[in-house]
Protein backbone atom coordinates (compact mmCIF):
# COMPACT_ATOMS: atom_id res chain seq x y z
CA GLY A 1 17.35 15.56 10.59
CA ASN A 2 16.38 13.68 7.93
CA ARG A 3 13.19 11.41 8.39
CA PRO A 4 11.11 9.08 6.66
CA PHE A 5 8.31 10.24 4.76
CA LEU A 6 5.51 9.41 2.57
CA VAL A 7 2.91 11.78 0.45
CA GLU A 8 0.09 10.63 -1.81
CA LEU A 9 -1.44 13.18 -4.14
CA VAL A 10 -3.25 12.75 -7.30
CA ALA A 11 -2.88 15.12 -10.58
CA HIS A 12 -5.20 15.28 -13.96
CA GLY A 13 -3.46 13.80 -16.86
CA GLU A 14 -1.77 11.21 -18.15
CA PRO A 15 1.20 9.41 -16.18
CA GLU A 16 3.94 10.35 -18.77
CA GLU A 17 2.72 13.78 -18.75
CA ILE A 18 2.40 14.27 -15.18
CA ARG A 19 6.48 12.75 -15.27
CA VAL A 20 7.67 15.34 -17.70
CA THR A 21 6.11 18.13 -15.61
CA ALA A 22 7.23 16.47 -12.35
CA LEU A 23 10.81 16.71 -14.00
CA ARG A 24 10.77 19.76 -14.91
CA THR A 25 9.24 21.26 -11.67
CA ILE A 26 9.81 19.59 -8.77
CA GLY A 27 12.76 17.84 -10.24
CA ARG A 28 14.41 21.12 -11.01
CA GLY A 29 13.95 22.40 -6.98
CA LEU A 30 15.09 19.28 -5.78
CA ILE A 31 18.65 19.38 -8.35
CA GLY A 32 18.36 22.93 -7.28
CA SER A 33 18.90 22.18 -4.05
CA GLY A 34 21.73 19.74 -4.48
CA PHE A 35 20.04 16.29 -5.47
CA GLU A 36 20.56 14.46 -7.88
CA LEU A 37 18.74 12.54 -10.71
CA VAL A 38 20.06 9.21 -10.61
CA SER A 39 17.04 7.10 -11.87
CA ASP A 40 14.43 8.30 -14.52
CA THR A 41 12.23 5.60 -15.52
CA PRO A 42 8.12 5.91 -17.01
CA GLU A 43 6.60 4.90 -13.38
CA ALA A 44 9.26 6.88 -11.21
CA LEU A 45 12.06 9.44 -10.94
CA GLU A 46 14.57 8.56 -7.90
CA PHE A 47 17.27 11.66 -6.54
CA ILE A 48 19.68 11.70 -4.43
CA ARG A 49 21.76 14.02 -2.16
CA VAL A 50 24.75 12.99 0.09
CA SER A 51 26.28 15.75 2.26
CA ARG A 52 29.04 15.87 4.74
CA ARG A 53 28.03 16.96 8.57
CA TRP A 54 30.95 16.69 10.03
CA TRP A 55 34.58 15.37 8.51
CA PHE A 56 33.74 11.92 9.12
CA SER A 57 29.86 11.91 8.90
CA LYS A 58 27.80 11.87 5.82
CA ASP A 59 24.26 12.70 5.29
CA HIS A 60 22.04 10.65 2.47
CA GLU A 61 18.53 12.15 1.32
CA ARG A 62 16.78 10.11 -0.97
CA VAL A 63 13.54 11.08 -2.94
CA VAL A 64 11.41 9.14 -5.15
CA ILE A 65 8.33 9.95 -7.14
CA SER A 66 6.45 6.91 -8.62
CA PHE A 67 3.68 7.46 -11.21
CA SER A 68 0.21 5.23 -12.29
CA PRO A 69 -3.06 5.89 -13.45
CA HIS A 70 -5.90 6.43 -11.25
CA GLN A 71 -9.41 6.44 -12.56
CA SER A 72 -10.14 8.05 -16.12
CA ASP A 73 -7.38 10.87 -16.93
CA ASP A 74 -5.79 11.12 -13.79
CA THR A 75 -2.44 10.18 -12.66
CA GLU A 76 -1.58 8.85 -8.92
CA MET A 77 1.97 10.43 -7.60
CA VAL A 78 3.47 8.51 -4.48
CA VAL A 79 6.49 10.49 -3.36
CA TYR A 80 8.31 8.79 -0.56
CA GLY A 81 11.80 8.43 0.99
CA ARG A 82 14.16 10.27 3.75
CA ALA A 83 15.17 14.02 3.76
CA ARG A 84 15.48 16.96 5.64
CA ARG A 85 12.30 18.93 6.81
CA LYS A 86 12.27 21.55 4.25
CA VAL A 87 12.14 19.28 1.42
CA ARG A 88 9.26 16.83 3.35
CA LYS A 89 7.31 19.79 4.03
CA GLY A 90 7.41 20.87 0.41
CA PHE A 91 6.17 17.97 -0.45
CA ALA A 92 3.02 18.06 2.22
CA ASP A 93 2.48 21.50 0.95
CA LEU A 94 1.79 20.39 -2.42
CA ALA A 95 -0.22 17.40 -1.41
CA ASP A 96 -2.33 20.00 0.87
CA THR A 97 -2.70 22.16 -2.49
CA SER A 98 -4.14 19.43 -4.74
CA ALA A 99 -6.52 18.18 -2.71
């Protein structure tokens, strides 16, 4: 089921460069999984997905990716929200590979 999550990672590059790359890669994957980009600011990207579980029930998923300067030329990304296991695991794996 959908559960809350929080993942922190550091990427090499300025926040705007990292935001554009995240939109092109992570965003494309989320959109391909049925998410909709609902907010795109220099500080964050926000995606939502609403699906019907049963005729009377809806599932809501939300993923926010925030970007902030970190040390010299790095960007801290904080990814949080509420999503299904596949999405949470994807971000956890991303954090593992960036460490």
